[in-house]
């Protein structure tokens, strides 16, 4: 794979952050939902969002998007 540009990396970061925020919000709302059908829909959305986040993480890992350097004390 070709190296991503800085703008592509920024876009990837923003998409991952958006999915993470949606997951946090859906999990928080889950406890307040009383309607069974709406609760099931929210649970399905949570599972889908978790899958999307895992896909992003896999893409990042497989393509060495984040370079880990040494930490100097």
C-alpha atoms as a PDB file:
ATOM      1  CA  UNK A   1       0.000   0.000   0.000  1.00  0.00           C
ATOM      2  CA  UNK A   2       1.141   3.510  -0.688  1.00  0.00           C
ATOM      3  CA  UNK A   3       1.931   5.842   2.155  1.00  0.00           C
ATOM      4  CA  UNK A   4      -0.993   7.966   3.283  1.00  0.00           C
ATOM      5  CA  UNK A   5      -0.792  11.727   3.061  1.00  0.00           C
ATOM      6  CA  UNK A   6      -1.096  13.846   6.185  1.00  0.00           C
ATOM      7  CA  UNK A   7      -4.609  14.888   5.183  1.00  0.00           C
ATOM      8  CA  UNK A   8      -5.611  11.238   4.728  1.00  0.00           C
ATOM      9  CA  UNK A   9      -4.202  10.370   8.149  1.00  0.00           C
ATOM     10  CA  UNK A  10      -6.102  13.305   9.649  1.00  0.00           C
ATOM     11  CA  UNK A  11      -9.303  12.150   7.930  1.00  0.00           C
ATOM     12  CA  UNK A  12      -8.762   8.625   9.227  1.00  0.00           C
ATOM     13  CA  UNK A  13      -8.281   9.979  12.730  1.00  0.00           C
ATOM     14  CA  UNK A  14     -11.431  12.086  12.485  1.00  0.00           C
ATOM     15  CA  UNK A  15     -13.509   9.147  11.211  1.00  0.00           C
ATOM     16  CA  UNK A  16     -12.237   6.941  14.028  1.00  0.00           C
ATOM     17  CA  UNK A  17     -13.009   9.669  16.572  1.00  0.00           C
ATOM     18  CA  UNK A  18     -16.518  10.094  15.141  1.00  0.00           C
ATOM     19  CA  UNK A  19     -17.198   6.356  15.456  1.00  0.00           C
ATOM     20  CA  UNK A  20     -15.794   6.298  18.986  1.00  0.00           C
ATOM     21  CA  UNK A  21     -17.994   9.224  20.030  1.00  0.00           C
ATOM     22  CA  UNK A  22     -21.054   7.543  18.528  1.00  0.00           C
ATOM     23  CA  UNK A  23     -20.262   4.341  20.426  1.00  0.00           C
ATOM     24  CA  UNK A  24     -19.920   6.173  23.743  1.00  0.00           C
ATOM     25  CA  UNK A  25     -23.199   7.987  23.183  1.00  0.00           C
ATOM     26  CA  UNK A  26     -25.068   4.828  22.149  1.00  0.00           C
ATOM     27  CA  UNK A  27     -23.825   2.934  25.180  1.00  0.00           C
ATOM     28  CA  UNK A  28     -24.871   5.784  27.493  1.00  0.00           C
ATOM     29  CA  UNK A  29     -28.331   5.974  25.931  1.00  0.00           C
ATOM     30  CA  UNK A  30     -28.815   2.205  26.091  1.00  0.00           C
ATOM     31  CA  UNK A  31     -29.557   2.354  29.827  1.00  0.00           C
ATOM     32  CA  UNK A  32     -32.278   4.963  29.306  1.00  0.00           C
ATOM     33  CA  UNK A  33     -34.128   3.275  26.431  1.00  0.00           C
ATOM     34  CA  UNK A  34     -37.335   1.629  27.616  1.00  0.00           C
ATOM     35  CA  UNK A  35     -38.858   0.532  24.307  1.00  0.00           C
ATOM     36  CA  UNK A  36     -37.763  -3.037  23.498  1.00  0.00           C
ATOM     37  CA  UNK A  37     -37.558  -2.547  19.736  1.00  0.00           C
ATOM     38  CA  UNK A  38     -35.607   0.681  20.051  1.00  0.00           C
ATOM     39  CA  UNK A  39     -33.273  -1.015  22.555  1.00  0.00           C
ATOM     40  CA  UNK A  40     -32.615  -3.853  20.076  1.00  0.00           C
ATOM     41  CA  UNK A  41     -31.943  -1.342  17.298  1.00  0.00           C
ATOM     42  CA  UNK A  42     -29.513   0.532  19.521  1.00  0.00           C
ATOM     43  CA  UNK A  43     -27.777  -2.737  20.477  1.00  0.00           C
ATOM     44  CA  UNK A  44     -27.409  -3.590  16.784  1.00  0.00           C
ATOM     45  CA  UNK A  45     -25.950  -0.131  16.168  1.00  0.00           C
ATOM     46  CA  UNK A  46     -23.474  -0.627  19.002  1.00  0.00           C
ATOM     47  CA  UNK A  47     -22.309  -3.939  17.531  1.00  0.00           C
ATOM     48  CA  UNK A  48     -21.966  -2.388  14.082  1.00  0.00           C
ATOM     49  CA  UNK A  49     -20.003   0.581  15.417  1.00  0.00           C
ATOM     50  CA  UNK A  50     -17.691  -1.725  17.383  1.00  0.00           C
ATOM     51  CA  UNK A  51     -17.053  -3.646  14.158  1.00  0.00           C
ATOM     52  CA  UNK A  52     -16.291  -0.445  12.282  1.00  0.00           C
ATOM     53  CA  UNK A  53     -13.821   0.660  14.965  1.00  0.00           C
ATOM     54  CA  UNK A  54     -12.102  -2.744  14.858  1.00  0.00           C
ATOM     55  CA  UNK A  55     -11.835  -2.438  11.078  1.00  0.00           C
ATOM     56  CA  UNK A  56     -10.196   0.970  11.402  1.00  0.00           C
ATOM     57  CA  UNK A  57      -7.790  -0.409  14.008  1.00  0.00           C
ATOM     58  CA  UNK A  58      -6.945  -3.381  11.804  1.00  0.00           C
ATOM     59  CA  UNK A  59      -6.307  -1.088   8.820  1.00  0.00           C
ATOM     60  CA  UNK A  60      -4.050   1.119  10.943  1.00  0.00           C
ATOM     61  CA  UNK A  61      -2.094  -1.864  12.291  1.00  0.00           C
ATOM     62  CA  UNK A  62      -1.766  -3.733   9.001  1.00  0.00           C
ATOM     63  CA  UNK A  63      -0.572  -0.654   7.137  1.00  0.00           C
ATOM     64  CA  UNK A  64       1.748   0.688   9.845  1.00  0.00           C
ATOM     65  CA  UNK A  65      -0.093   4.008   9.877  1.00  0.00           C
ATOM     66  CA  UNK A  66       1.173   4.920  13.324  1.00  0.00           C
ATOM     67  CA  UNK A  67       4.899   4.809  13.765  1.00  0.00           C
ATOM     68  CA  UNK A  68       5.937   4.029  17.312  1.00  0.00           C
ATOM     69  CA  UNK A  69       9.201   5.598  18.292  1.00  0.00           C
ATOM     70  CA  UNK A  70      11.375   5.407  21.359  1.00  0.00           C
ATOM     71  CA  UNK A  71      10.546   7.393  24.429  1.00  0.00           C
ATOM     72  CA  UNK A  72      13.485   9.250  25.895  1.00  0.00           C
ATOM     73  CA  UNK A  73      13.536  10.064  29.589  1.00  0.00           C
END
